[in-house]
């Protein structure tokens, strides 16, 4: 009887580990929706930084988003959560104010279905 109980306990522990390890791995890895959410937060920060830049530069748009970092409007060079540069246009063609900001999204190519835009 003791042998069966020990085998059953070992079996239960083994099965639990087999199920638990992939679950933990899934929980700690970044998911696409997290990258998208965080990229949208960065895009909102960029929109505000562009308005700030325009106010300080007689309504002129910067030549690049890196200028926002160089002038210490942003704490670091702007990149999306995939580590890529944003595309931007001033003035906005989609809003009454500010600029349009676009991330190429997970595939890294602009003008594809997974792009993230500041106006949507």
PDB file of N, CA and C in Angstrom:
ATOM      1  N   UNK A   1       0.810  -1.192   0.000  1.00  0.00           N
ATOM      2  CA  UNK A   1       0.000   0.000   0.000  1.00  0.00           C
ATOM      3  C   UNK A   1       0.859   1.264   0.000  1.00  0.00           C
ATOM      4  N   UNK A   2       1.974   1.240   0.789  1.00  0.00           N
ATOM      5  CA  UNK A   2       2.858   2.395   0.850  1.00  0.00           C
ATOM      6  C   UNK A   2       3.512   2.645  -0.504  1.00  0.00           C
ATOM      7  N   UNK A   3       3.841   1.589  -1.202  1.00  0.00           N
ATOM      8  CA  UNK A   3       4.480   1.721  -2.511  1.00  0.00           C
ATOM      9  C   UNK A   3       3.546   2.430  -3.483  1.00  0.00           C
ATOM     10  N   UNK A   4       2.294   2.087  -3.465  1.00  0.00           N
ATOM     11  CA  UNK A   4       1.312   2.728  -4.348  1.00  0.00           C
ATOM     12  C   UNK A   4       1.150   4.194  -3.991  1.00  0.00           C
ATOM     13  N   UNK A   5       1.114   4.504  -2.717  1.00  0.00           N
ATOM     14  CA  UNK A   5       0.967   5.899  -2.280  1.00  0.00           C
ATOM     15  C   UNK A   5       2.169   6.726  -2.702  1.00  0.00           C
ATOM     16  N   UNK A   6       3.371   6.198  -2.573  1.00  0.00           N
ATOM     17  CA  UNK A   6       4.584   6.912  -2.967  1.00  0.00           C
ATOM     18  C   UNK A   6       4.597   7.114  -4.474  1.00  0.00           C
ATOM     19  N   UNK A   7       4.257   6.075  -5.235  1.00  0.00           N
ATOM     20  CA  UNK A   7       4.220   6.204  -6.689  1.00  0.00           C
ATOM     21  C   UNK A   7       3.168   7.218  -7.120  1.00  0.00           C
ATOM     22  N   UNK A   8       2.038   7.206  -6.464  1.00  0.00           N
ATOM     23  CA  UNK A   8       0.980   8.151  -6.800  1.00  0.00           C
ATOM     24  C   UNK A   8       1.417   9.585  -6.500  1.00  0.00           C
ATOM     25  N   UNK A   9       2.056   9.795  -5.375  1.00  0.00           N
ATOM     26  CA  UNK A   9       2.542  11.134  -5.015  1.00  0.00           C
ATOM     27  C   UNK A   9       3.595  11.598  -6.014  1.00  0.00           C
ATOM     28  N   UNK A  10       4.531  10.727  -6.381  1.00  0.00           N
ATOM     29  CA  UNK A  10       5.542  11.082  -7.375  1.00  0.00           C
ATOM     30  C   UNK A  10       4.894  11.376  -8.723  1.00  0.00           C
ATOM     31  N   UNK A  11       3.915  10.586  -9.083  1.00  0.00           N
ATOM     32  CA  UNK A  11       3.207  10.778 -10.350  1.00  0.00           C
ATOM     33  C   UNK A  11       2.496  12.142 -10.367  1.00  0.00           C
ATOM     34  N   UNK A  12       1.828  12.458  -9.285  1.00  0.00           N
ATOM     35  CA  UNK A  12       1.107  13.734  -9.188  1.00  0.00           C
ATOM     36  C   UNK A  12       2.087  14.904  -9.273  1.00  0.00           C
ATOM     37  N   UNK A  13       3.209  14.794  -8.555  1.00  0.00           N
ATOM     38  CA  UNK A  13       4.213  15.864  -8.605  1.00  0.00           C
ATOM     39  C   UNK A  13       4.801  16.015 -10.007  1.00  0.00           C
ATOM     40  N   UNK A  14       5.079  14.923 -10.661  1.00  0.00           N
ATOM     41  CA  UNK A  14       5.631  14.963 -12.020  1.00  0.00           C
ATOM     42  C   UNK A  14       4.646  15.598 -12.987  1.00  0.00           C
ATOM     43  N   UNK A  15       3.403  15.205 -12.930  1.00  0.00           N
ATOM     44  CA  UNK A  15       2.377  15.777 -13.806  1.00  0.00           C
ATOM     45  C   UNK A  15       2.203  17.263 -13.514  1.00  0.00           C
ATOM     46  N   UNK A  16       2.205  17.632 -12.241  1.00  0.00           N
ATOM     47  CA  UNK A  16       2.063  19.040 -11.870  1.00  0.00           C
ATOM     48  C   UNK A  16       3.212  19.865 -12.446  1.00  0.00           C
ATOM     49  N   UNK A  17       4.439  19.356 -12.346  1.00  0.00           N
ATOM     50  CA  UNK A  17       5.588  20.068 -12.909  1.00  0.00           C
ATOM     51  C   UNK A  17       5.496  20.176 -14.424  1.00  0.00           C
ATOM     52  N   UNK A  18       5.080  19.111 -15.060  1.00  0.00           N
ATOM     53  CA  UNK A  18       4.949  19.126 -16.520  1.00  0.00           C
ATOM     54  C   UNK A  18       3.946  20.187 -16.956  1.00  0.00           C
ATOM     55  N   UNK A  19       2.892  20.359 -16.209  1.00  0.00           N
ATOM     56  CA  UNK A  19       1.889  21.363 -16.539  1.00  0.00           C
ATOM     57  C   UNK A  19       2.292  22.759 -16.079  1.00  0.00           C
ATOM     58  N   UNK A  20       2.998  22.854 -14.978  1.00  0.00           N
ATOM     59  CA  UNK A  20       3.338  24.145 -14.387  1.00  0.00           C
ATOM     60  C   UNK A  20       4.447  24.878 -15.128  1.00  0.00           C
ATOM     61  N   UNK A  21       5.466  24.176 -15.574  1.00  0.00           N
ATOM     62  CA  UNK A  21       6.607  24.824 -16.231  1.00  0.00           C
ATOM     63  C   UNK A  21       6.182  25.588 -17.485  1.00  0.00           C
ATOM     64  N   UNK A  22       5.424  25.009 -18.413  1.00  0.00           N
ATOM     65  CA  UNK A  22       4.994  25.793 -19.574  1.00  0.00           C
ATOM     66  C   UNK A  22       4.088  26.971 -19.182  1.00  0.00           C
ATOM     67  N   UNK A  23       3.268  26.776 -18.163  1.00  0.00           N
ATOM     68  CA  UNK A  23       2.388  27.866 -17.718  1.00  0.00           C
ATOM     69  C   UNK A  23       3.209  29.038 -17.194  1.00  0.00           C
ATOM     70  N   UNK A  24       4.238  28.764 -16.423  1.00  0.00           N
ATOM     71  CA  UNK A  24       5.107  29.831 -15.906  1.00  0.00           C
ATOM     72  C   UNK A  24       5.852  30.498 -17.054  1.00  0.00           C
ATOM     73  N   UNK A  25       6.360  29.719 -17.981  1.00  0.00           N
ATOM     74  CA  UNK A  25       7.059  30.286 -19.144  1.00  0.00           C
ATOM     75  C   UNK A  25       6.134  31.199 -19.938  1.00  0.00           C
ATOM     76  N   UNK A  26       4.883  30.792 -20.099  1.00  0.00           N
ATOM     77  CA  UNK A  26       3.924  31.612 -20.827  1.00  0.00           C
ATOM     78  C   UNK A  26       3.655  32.920 -20.084  1.00  0.00           C
ATOM     79  N   UNK A  27       3.580  32.865 -18.764  1.00  0.00           N
ATOM     80  CA  UNK A  27       3.290  34.056 -17.977  1.00  0.00           C
ATOM     81  C   UNK A  27       4.410  35.078 -17.988  1.00  0.00           C
ATOM     82  N   UNK A  28       5.656  34.640 -18.020  1.00  0.00           N
ATOM     83  CA  UNK A  28       6.767  35.588 -17.924  1.00  0.00           C
ATOM     84  C   UNK A  28       7.216  36.138 -19.274  1.00  0.00           C
ATOM     85  N   UNK A  29       6.829  35.538 -20.364  1.00  0.00           N
ATOM     86  CA  UNK A  29       7.244  36.063 -21.664  1.00  0.00           C
ATOM     87  C   UNK A  29       6.339  37.226 -22.067  1.00  0.00           C
ATOM     88  N   UNK A  30       6.897  38.232 -22.758  1.00  0.00           N
ATOM     89  CA  UNK A  30       6.061  39.339 -23.206  1.00  0.00           C
ATOM     90  C   UNK A  30       5.113  38.876 -24.309  1.00  0.00           C
ATOM     91  N   UNK A  31       3.896  39.334 -24.266  1.00  0.00           N
ATOM     92  CA  UNK A  31       2.894  38.966 -25.250  1.00  0.00           C
ATOM     93  C   UNK A  31       2.668  40.127 -26.208  1.00  0.00           C
ATOM     94  N   UNK A  32       2.193  39.831 -27.392  1.00  0.00           N
ATOM     95  CA  UNK A  32       1.976  40.858 -28.411  1.00  0.00           C
ATOM     96  C   UNK A  32       1.101  41.996 -27.944  1.00  0.00           C
ATOM     97  N   UNK A  33       0.050  41.682 -27.197  1.00  0.00           N
ATOM     98  CA  UNK A  33      -0.843  42.754 -26.758  1.00  0.00           C
ATOM     99  C   UNK A  33      -0.156  43.687 -25.777  1.00  0.00           C
ATOM    100  N   UNK A  34       0.813  43.184 -25.012  1.00  0.00           N
ATOM    101  CA  UNK A  34       1.556  44.039 -24.085  1.00  0.00           C
ATOM    102  C   UNK A  34       2.428  45.003 -24.884  1.00  0.00           C
ATOM    103  N   UNK A  35       3.106  44.501 -25.908  1.00  0.00           N
ATOM    104  CA  UNK A  35       3.925  45.361 -26.761  1.00  0.00           C
ATOM    105  C   UNK A  35       3.059  46.421 -27.430  1.00  0.00           C
ATOM    106  N   UNK A  36       1.897  46.031 -27.912  1.00  0.00           N
ATOM    107  CA  UNK A  36       1.016  47.000 -28.563  1.00  0.00           C
ATOM    108  C   UNK A  36       0.538  48.055 -27.575  1.00  0.00           C
ATOM    109  N   UNK A  37       0.129  47.631 -26.388  1.00  0.00           N
ATOM    110  CA  UNK A  37      -0.331  48.588 -25.371  1.00  0.00           C
ATOM    111  C   UNK A  37       0.779  49.569 -25.013  1.00  0.00           C
ATOM    112  N   UNK A  38       1.982  49.051 -24.774  1.00  0.00           N
ATOM    113  CA  UNK A  38       3.095  49.906 -24.392  1.00  0.00           C
ATOM    114  C   UNK A  38       3.515  50.823 -25.536  1.00  0.00           C
ATOM    115  N   UNK A  39       3.455  50.331 -26.771  1.00  0.00           N
ATOM    116  CA  UNK A  39       3.786  51.174 -27.926  1.00  0.00           C
ATOM    117  C   UNK A  39       2.780  52.315 -28.050  1.00  0.00           C
ATOM    118  N   UNK A  40       1.511  52.041 -27.813  1.00  0.00           N
ATOM    119  CA  UNK A  40       0.502  53.114 -27.863  1.00  0.00           C
ATOM    120  C   UNK A  40       0.754  54.159 -26.777  1.00  0.00           C
ATOM    121  N   UNK A  41       1.214  53.746 -25.614  1.00  0.00           N
ATOM    122  CA  UNK A  41       1.546  54.712 -24.564  1.00  0.00           C
ATOM    123  C   UNK A  41       2.724  55.587 -24.999  1.00  0.00           C
ATOM    124  N   UNK A  42       3.723  54.989 -25.631  1.00  0.00           N
ATOM    125  CA  UNK A  42       4.863  55.755 -26.140  1.00  0.00           C
ATOM    126  C   UNK A  42       4.394  56.725 -27.221  1.00  0.00           C
ATOM    127  N   UNK A  43       3.462  56.295 -28.065  1.00  0.00           N
ATOM    128  CA  UNK A  43       2.953  57.164 -29.128  1.00  0.00           C
ATOM    129  C   UNK A  43       2.242  58.385 -28.542  1.00  0.00           C
ATOM    130  N   UNK A  44       1.483  58.198 -27.468  1.00  0.00           N
ATOM    131  CA  UNK A  44       0.831  59.344 -26.823  1.00  0.00           C
ATOM    132  C   UNK A  44       1.873  60.297 -26.247  1.00  0.00           C
ATOM    133  N   UNK A  45       2.927  59.742 -25.681  1.00  0.00           N
ATOM    134  CA  UNK A  45       4.025  60.562 -25.164  1.00  0.00           C
ATOM    135  C   UNK A  45       4.685  61.340 -26.310  1.00  0.00           C
ATOM    136  N   UNK A  46       4.857  60.690 -27.451  1.00  0.00           N
ATOM    137  CA  UNK A  46       5.441  61.357 -28.619  1.00  0.00           C
ATOM    138  C   UNK A  46       4.560  62.495 -29.118  1.00  0.00           C
ATOM    139  N   UNK A  47       3.260  62.261 -29.156  1.00  0.00           N
ATOM    140  CA  UNK A  47       2.347  63.323 -29.589  1.00  0.00           C
ATOM    141  C   UNK A  47       2.487  64.547 -28.697  1.00  0.00           C
ATOM    142  N   UNK A  48       2.520  64.341 -27.400  1.00  0.00           N
ATOM    143  CA  UNK A  48       2.686  65.455 -26.459  1.00  0.00           C
ATOM    144  C   UNK A  48       4.041  66.131 -26.648  1.00  0.00           C
ATOM    145  N   UNK A  49       5.085  65.328 -26.839  1.00  0.00           N
ATOM    146  CA  UNK A  49       6.422  65.887 -27.037  1.00  0.00           C
ATOM    147  C   UNK A  49       6.495  66.701 -28.329  1.00  0.00           C
ATOM    148  N   UNK A  50       5.803  66.264 -29.368  1.00  0.00           N
ATOM    149  CA  UNK A  50       5.788  67.021 -30.625  1.00  0.00           C
ATOM    150  C   UNK A  50       5.081  68.359 -30.456  1.00  0.00           C
ATOM    151  N   UNK A  51       3.986  68.377 -29.718  1.00  0.00           N
ATOM    152  CA  UNK A  51       3.296  69.643 -29.439  1.00  0.00           C
ATOM    153  C   UNK A  51       4.224  70.559 -28.649  1.00  0.00           C
ATOM    154  N   UNK A  52       4.908  70.024 -27.655  1.00  0.00           N
ATOM    155  CA  UNK A  52       5.865  70.793 -26.854  1.00  0.00           C
ATOM    156  C   UNK A  52       6.955  71.378 -27.749  1.00  0.00           C
ATOM    157  N   UNK A  53       7.489  70.574 -28.654  1.00  0.00           N
ATOM    158  CA  UNK A  53       8.529  71.040 -29.577  1.00  0.00           C
ATOM    159  C   UNK A  53       8.004  72.181 -30.451  1.00  0.00           C
ATOM    160  N   UNK A  54       6.828  71.995 -30.997  1.00  0.00           N
ATOM    161  CA  UNK A  54       6.255  73.020 -31.871  1.00  0.00           C
ATOM    162  C   UNK A  54       6.028  74.331 -31.121  1.00  0.00           C
ATOM    163  N   UNK A  55       5.617  74.263 -29.887  1.00  0.00           N
ATOM    164  CA  UNK A  55       5.421  75.478 -29.091  1.00  0.00           C
ATOM    165  C   UNK A  55       6.736  76.209 -28.857  1.00  0.00           C
ATOM    166  N   UNK A  56       7.804  75.469 -28.690  1.00  0.00           N
ATOM    167  CA  UNK A  56       9.113  76.087 -28.457  1.00  0.00           C
ATOM    168  C   UNK A  56       9.812  76.522 -29.741  1.00  0.00           C
ATOM    169  N   UNK A  57       9.337  76.082 -30.899  1.00  0.00           N
ATOM    170  CA  UNK A  57      10.014  76.356 -32.169  1.00  0.00           C
ATOM    171  C   UNK A  57       9.094  76.999 -33.199  1.00  0.00           C
ATOM    172  N   UNK A  58       8.265  77.915 -32.754  1.00  0.00           N
ATOM    173  CA  UNK A  58       7.404  78.697 -33.650  1.00  0.00           C
ATOM    174  C   UNK A  58       6.607  77.821 -34.606  1.00  0.00           C
ATOM    175  N   UNK A  59       5.952  76.816 -34.062  1.00  0.00           N
ATOM    176  CA  UNK A  59       5.076  75.907 -34.816  1.00  0.00           C
ATOM    177  C   UNK A  59       5.788  75.085 -35.889  1.00  0.00           C
ATOM    178  N   UNK A  60       7.092  74.944 -35.794  1.00  0.00           N
ATOM    179  CA  UNK A  60       7.816  74.099 -36.736  1.00  0.00           C
ATOM    180  C   UNK A  60       7.874  72.676 -36.196  1.00  0.00           C
ATOM    181  N   UNK A  61       7.831  71.745 -37.107  1.00  0.00           N
ATOM    182  CA  UNK A  61       7.919  70.328 -36.770  1.00  0.00           C
ATOM    183  C   UNK A  61       9.394  69.921 -36.776  1.00  0.00           C
ATOM    184  N   UNK A  62       9.819  69.034 -35.878  1.00  0.00           N
ATOM    185  CA  UNK A  62      11.223  68.600 -35.917  1.00  0.00           C
ATOM    186  C   UNK A  62      11.516  67.809 -37.189  1.00  0.00           C
ATOM    187  N   UNK A  63      12.776  67.805 -37.582  1.00  0.00           N
ATOM    188  CA  UNK A  63      13.160  67.051 -38.780  1.00  0.00           C
ATOM    189  C   UNK A  63      13.199  65.550 -38.503  1.00  0.00           C
ATOM    190  N   UNK A  64      13.364  65.183 -37.235  1.00  0.00           N
ATOM    191  CA  UNK A  64      13.326  63.776 -36.847  1.00  0.00           C
ATOM    192  C   UNK A  64      12.840  63.677 -35.406  1.00  0.00           C
ATOM    193  N   UNK A  65      12.372  62.510 -35.031  1.00  0.00           N
ATOM    194  CA  UNK A  65      11.932  62.321 -33.649  1.00  0.00           C
ATOM    195  C   UNK A  65      13.113  62.305 -32.687  1.00  0.00           C
ATOM    196  N   UNK A  66      14.298  62.013 -33.182  1.00  0.00           N
ATOM    197  CA  UNK A  66      15.482  62.049 -32.323  1.00  0.00           C
ATOM    198  C   UNK A  66      15.752  63.459 -31.811  1.00  0.00           C
ATOM    199  N   UNK A  67      15.278  64.477 -32.529  1.00  0.00           N
ATOM    200  CA  UNK A  67      15.439  65.860 -32.064  1.00  0.00           C
ATOM    201  C   UNK A  67      14.745  66.077 -30.723  1.00  0.00           C
ATOM    202  N   UNK A  68      13.679  65.329 -30.469  1.00  0.00           N
ATOM    203  CA  UNK A  68      12.983  65.443 -29.190  1.00  0.00           C
ATOM    204  C   UNK A  68      13.870  64.953 -28.048  1.00  0.00           C
ATOM    205  N   UNK A  69      14.694  63.973 -28.317  1.00  0.00           N
ATOM    206  CA  UNK A  69      15.650  63.486 -27.328  1.00  0.00           C
ATOM    207  C   UNK A  69      16.830  64.439 -27.212  1.00  0.00           C
ATOM    208  N   UNK A  70      17.323  64.894 -28.350  1.00  0.00           N
ATOM    209  CA  UNK A  70      18.482  65.790 -28.351  1.00  0.00           C
ATOM    210  C   UNK A  70      18.192  67.091 -27.609  1.00  0.00           C
ATOM    211  N   UNK A  71      16.957  67.557 -27.675  1.00  0.00           N
ATOM    212  CA  UNK A  71      16.580  68.790 -26.975  1.00  0.00           C
ATOM    213  C   UNK A  71      16.042  68.507 -25.572  1.00  0.00           C
ATOM    214  N   UNK A  72      16.180  67.276 -25.123  1.00  0.00           N
ATOM    215  CA  UNK A  72      15.792  66.854 -23.780  1.00  0.00           C
ATOM    216  C   UNK A  72      14.292  66.984 -23.494  1.00  0.00           C
ATOM    217  N   UNK A  73      13.503  66.896 -24.544  1.00  0.00           N
ATOM    218  CA  UNK A  73      12.047  66.840 -24.363  1.00  0.00           C
ATOM    219  C   UNK A  73      11.659  65.414 -23.985  1.00  0.00           C
ATOM    220  N   UNK A  74      12.372  64.450 -24.555  1.00  0.00           N
ATOM    221  CA  UNK A  74      12.194  63.030 -24.202  1.00  0.00           C
ATOM    222  C   UNK A  74      13.451  62.534 -23.490  1.00  0.00           C
ATOM    223  N   UNK A  75      13.267  61.587 -22.579  1.00  0.00           N
ATOM    224  CA  UNK A  75      14.390  61.060 -21.805  1.00  0.00           C
ATOM    225  C   UNK A  75      15.276  60.101 -22.603  1.00  0.00           C
ATOM    226  N   UNK A  76      14.726  59.494 -23.657  1.00  0.00           N
ATOM    227  CA  UNK A  76      15.494  58.550 -24.474  1.00  0.00           C
ATOM    228  C   UNK A  76      14.997  58.631 -25.921  1.00  0.00           C
ATOM    229  N   UNK A  77      15.834  58.189 -26.869  1.00  0.00           N
ATOM    230  CA  UNK A  77      15.386  58.210 -28.269  1.00  0.00           C
ATOM    231  C   UNK A  77      14.123  57.367 -28.425  1.00  0.00           C
ATOM    232  N   UNK A  78      13.138  57.884 -29.142  1.00  0.00           N
ATOM    233  CA  UNK A  78      11.865  57.159 -29.253  1.00  0.00           C
ATOM    234  C   UNK A  78      11.957  55.924 -30.143  1.00  0.00           C
ATOM    235  N   UNK A  79      11.570  54.783 -29.571  1.00  0.00           N
ATOM    236  CA  UNK A  79      11.493  53.521 -30.294  1.00  0.00           C
ATOM    237  C   UNK A  79      10.245  52.802 -29.821  1.00  0.00           C
ATOM    238  N   UNK A  80       9.655  51.997 -30.698  1.00  0.00           N
ATOM    239  CA  UNK A  80       8.492  51.217 -30.267  1.00  0.00           C
ATOM    240  C   UNK A  80       8.984  50.018 -29.452  1.00  0.00           C
ATOM    241  N   UNK A  81       8.071  49.195 -28.985  1.00  0.00           N
ATOM    242  CA  UNK A  81       8.453  48.077 -28.122  1.00  0.00           C
ATOM    243  C   UNK A  81       9.211  46.984 -28.862  1.00  0.00           C
ATOM    244  N   UNK A  82       9.262  47.053 -30.168  1.00  0.00           N
ATOM    245  CA  UNK A  82      10.050  46.106 -30.952  1.00  0.00           C
ATOM    246  C   UNK A  82      11.431  46.690 -31.257  1.00  0.00           C
ATOM    247  N   UNK A  83      11.705  47.884 -30.712  1.00  0.00           N
ATOM    248  CA  UNK A  83      13.014  48.519 -30.878  1.00  0.00           C
ATOM    249  C   UNK A  83      13.181  49.279 -32.174  1.00  0.00           C
ATOM    250  N   UNK A  84      12.072  49.560 -32.859  1.00  0.00           N
ATOM    251  CA  UNK A  84      12.145  50.226 -34.164  1.00  0.00           C
ATOM    252  C   UNK A  84      11.706  51.689 -34.070  1.00  0.00           C
ATOM    253  N   UNK A  85      12.148  52.453 -35.056  1.00  0.00           N
ATOM    254  CA  UNK A  85      11.792  53.874 -35.117  1.00  0.00           C
ATOM    255  C   UNK A  85      10.323  54.040 -35.499  1.00  0.00           C
ATOM    256  N   UNK A  86       9.761  55.145 -35.058  1.00  0.00           N
ATOM    257  CA  UNK A  86       8.409  55.543 -35.460  1.00  0.00           C
ATOM    258  C   UNK A  86       8.488  56.375 -36.731  1.00  0.00           C
ATOM    259  N   UNK A  87       7.397  56.451 -37.432  1.00  0.00           N
ATOM    260  CA  UNK A  87       7.226  57.374 -38.552  1.00  0.00           C
ATOM    261  C   UNK A  87       6.287  58.462 -38.050  1.00  0.00           C
ATOM    262  N   UNK A  88       6.504  59.720 -38.480  1.00  0.00           N
ATOM    263  CA  UNK A  88       5.616  60.795 -38.042  1.00  0.00           C
ATOM    264  C   UNK A  88       5.426  61.832 -39.145  1.00  0.00           C
ATOM    265  N   UNK A  89       4.346  62.614 -38.991  1.00  0.00           N
ATOM    266  CA  UNK A  89       4.045  63.690 -39.943  1.00  0.00           C
ATOM    267  C   UNK A  89       3.396  64.828 -39.168  1.00  0.00           C
ATOM    268  N   UNK A  90       3.903  66.035 -39.393  1.00  0.00           N
ATOM    269  CA  UNK A  90       3.319  67.256 -38.821  1.00  0.00           C
ATOM    270  C   UNK A  90       2.919  68.163 -39.973  1.00  0.00           C
ATOM    271  N   UNK A  91       1.811  68.818 -39.918  1.00  0.00           N
ATOM    272  CA  UNK A  91       0.732  68.619 -38.963  1.00  0.00           C
ATOM    273  C   UNK A  91      -0.052  67.343 -39.296  1.00  0.00           C
ATOM    274  N   UNK A  92      -0.877  66.963 -38.374  1.00  0.00           N
ATOM    275  CA  UNK A  92      -1.670  65.747 -38.533  1.00  0.00           C
ATOM    276  C   UNK A  92      -2.652  65.873 -39.688  1.00  0.00           C
ATOM    277  N   UNK A  93      -2.841  64.810 -40.415  1.00  0.00           N
ATOM    278  CA  UNK A  93      -3.887  64.766 -41.447  1.00  0.00           C
ATOM    279  C   UNK A  93      -5.137  64.062 -40.935  1.00  0.00           C
ATOM    280  N   UNK A  94      -5.054  63.520 -39.718  1.00  0.00           N
ATOM    281  CA  UNK A  94      -6.159  62.740 -39.177  1.00  0.00           C
ATOM    282  C   UNK A  94      -6.797  63.366 -37.946  1.00  0.00           C
ATOM    283  N   UNK A  95      -6.136  64.369 -37.370  1.00  0.00           N
ATOM    284  CA  UNK A  95      -6.645  65.034 -36.176  1.00  0.00           C
ATOM    285  C   UNK A  95      -6.584  66.548 -36.406  1.00  0.00           C
ATOM    286  N   UNK A  96      -7.279  67.282 -35.582  1.00  0.00           N
ATOM    287  CA  UNK A  96      -7.291  68.739 -35.719  1.00  0.00           C
ATOM    288  C   UNK A  96      -6.046  69.401 -35.151  1.00  0.00           C
ATOM    289  N   UNK A  97      -5.209  68.649 -34.485  1.00  0.00           N
ATOM    290  CA  UNK A  97      -4.032  69.207 -33.823  1.00  0.00           C
ATOM    291  C   UNK A  97      -2.917  68.167 -33.826  1.00  0.00           C
ATOM    292  N   UNK A  98      -1.718  68.598 -33.498  1.00  0.00           N
ATOM    293  CA  UNK A  98      -0.615  67.671 -33.289  1.00  0.00           C
ATOM    294  C   UNK A  98      -0.085  67.011 -34.544  1.00  0.00           C
ATOM    295  N   UNK A  99       0.387  65.795 -34.374  1.00  0.00           N
ATOM    296  CA  UNK A  99       1.058  65.061 -35.447  1.00  0.00           C
ATOM    297  C   UNK A  99       0.497  63.652 -35.551  1.00  0.00           C
ATOM    298  N   UNK A 100       0.738  63.035 -36.680  1.00  0.00           N
ATOM    299  CA  UNK A 100       0.420  61.627 -36.868  1.00  0.00           C
ATOM    300  C   UNK A 100       1.681  60.825 -36.539  1.00  0.00           C
ATOM    301  N   UNK A 101       1.529  59.791 -35.734  1.00  0.00           N
ATOM    302  CA  UNK A 101       2.653  58.930 -35.362  1.00  0.00           C
ATOM    303  C   UNK A 101       2.264  57.495 -35.704  1.00  0.00           C
ATOM    304  N   UNK A 102       3.196  56.755 -36.318  1.00  0.00           N
ATOM    305  CA  UNK A 102       2.915  55.374 -36.739  1.00  0.00           C
ATOM    306  C   UNK A 102       4.062  54.461 -36.308  1.00  0.00           C
ATOM    307  N   UNK A 103       3.690  53.308 -35.755  1.00  0.00           N
ATOM    308  CA  UNK A 103       4.639  52.221 -35.491  1.00  0.00           C
ATOM    309  C   UNK A 103       4.394  51.152 -36.555  1.00  0.00           C
ATOM    310  N   UNK A 104       5.458  50.554 -37.050  1.00  0.00           N
ATOM    311  CA  UNK A 104       5.316  49.504 -38.058  1.00  0.00           C
ATOM    312  C   UNK A 104       4.745  48.221 -37.469  1.00  0.00           C
ATOM    313  N   UNK A 105       4.641  48.141 -36.157  1.00  0.00           N
ATOM    314  CA  UNK A 105       4.044  46.975 -35.515  1.00  0.00           C
ATOM    315  C   UNK A 105       4.962  45.763 -35.508  1.00  0.00           C
ATOM    316  N   UNK A 106       4.406  44.607 -35.183  1.00  0.00           N
ATOM    317  CA  UNK A 106       5.218  43.395 -35.017  1.00  0.00           C
ATOM    318  C   UNK A 106       6.009  42.975 -36.256  1.00  0.00           C
ATOM    319  N   UNK A 107       5.455  43.197 -37.437  1.00  0.00           N
ATOM    320  CA  UNK A 107       6.163  42.719 -38.638  1.00  0.00           C
ATOM    321  C   UNK A 107       7.282  43.662 -39.082  1.00  0.00           C
ATOM    322  N   UNK A 108       7.345  44.873 -38.516  1.00  0.00           N
ATOM    323  CA  UNK A 108       8.426  45.796 -38.832  1.00  0.00           C
ATOM    324  C   UNK A 108       8.310  46.495 -40.169  1.00  0.00           C
ATOM    325  N   UNK A 109       7.182  46.331 -40.853  1.00  0.00           N
ATOM    326  CA  UNK A 109       6.991  46.978 -42.162  1.00  0.00           C
ATOM    327  C   UNK A 109       5.841  47.977 -42.068  1.00  0.00           C
ATOM    328  N   UNK A 110       6.070  49.174 -42.587  1.00  0.00           N
ATOM    329  CA  UNK A 110       5.013  50.179 -42.604  1.00  0.00           C
ATOM    330  C   UNK A 110       3.995  49.863 -43.696  1.00  0.00           C
ATOM    331  N   UNK A 111       2.799  50.400 -43.500  1.00  0.00           N
ATOM    332  CA  UNK A 111       1.675  50.257 -44.425  1.00  0.00           C
ATOM    333  C   UNK A 111       1.231  48.803 -44.564  1.00  0.00           C
ATOM    334  N   UNK A 112       1.202  48.100 -43.430  1.00  0.00           N
ATOM    335  CA  UNK A 112       0.633  46.757 -43.387  1.00  0.00           C
ATOM    336  C   UNK A 112      -0.453  46.744 -42.320  1.00  0.00           C
ATOM    337  N   UNK A 113      -1.197  45.679 -42.262  1.00  0.00           N
ATOM    338  CA  UNK A 113      -2.375  45.606 -41.388  1.00  0.00           C
ATOM    339  C   UNK A 113      -2.048  45.710 -39.901  1.00  0.00           C
ATOM    340  N   UNK A 114      -0.826  45.372 -39.498  1.00  0.00           N
ATOM    341  CA  UNK A 114      -0.519  45.394 -38.064  1.00  0.00           C
ATOM    342  C   UNK A 114       0.085  46.714 -37.575  1.00  0.00           C
ATOM    343  N   UNK A 115       0.130  47.733 -38.430  1.00  0.00           N
ATOM    344  CA  UNK A 115       0.642  49.033 -38.014  1.00  0.00           C
ATOM    345  C   UNK A 115      -0.203  49.608 -36.883  1.00  0.00           C
ATOM    346  N   UNK A 116       0.432  50.335 -35.984  1.00  0.00           N
ATOM    347  CA  UNK A 116      -0.259  51.045 -34.903  1.00  0.00           C
ATOM    348  C   UNK A 116      -0.193  52.524 -35.223  1.00  0.00           C
ATOM    349  N   UNK A 117      -1.331  53.197 -35.197  1.00  0.00           N
ATOM    350  CA  UNK A 117      -1.375  54.616 -35.546  1.00  0.00           C
ATOM    351  C   UNK A 117      -1.936  55.433 -34.382  1.00  0.00           C
ATOM    352  N   UNK A 118      -1.515  56.684 -34.308  1.00  0.00           N
ATOM    353  CA  UNK A 118      -1.919  57.553 -33.212  1.00  0.00           C
ATOM    354  C   UNK A 118      -3.363  58.012 -33.333  1.00  0.00           C
ATOM    355  N   UNK A 119      -3.971  57.905 -34.496  1.00  0.00           N
ATOM    356  CA  UNK A 119      -5.323  58.422 -34.677  1.00  0.00           C
ATOM    357  C   UNK A 119      -6.388  57.333 -34.554  1.00  0.00           C
ATOM    358  N   UNK A 120      -6.012  56.097 -34.323  1.00  0.00           N
ATOM    359  CA  UNK A 120      -6.999  55.028 -34.173  1.00  0.00           C
ATOM    360  C   UNK A 120      -7.053  54.534 -32.748  1.00  0.00           C
TER     361      UNK A 120
END
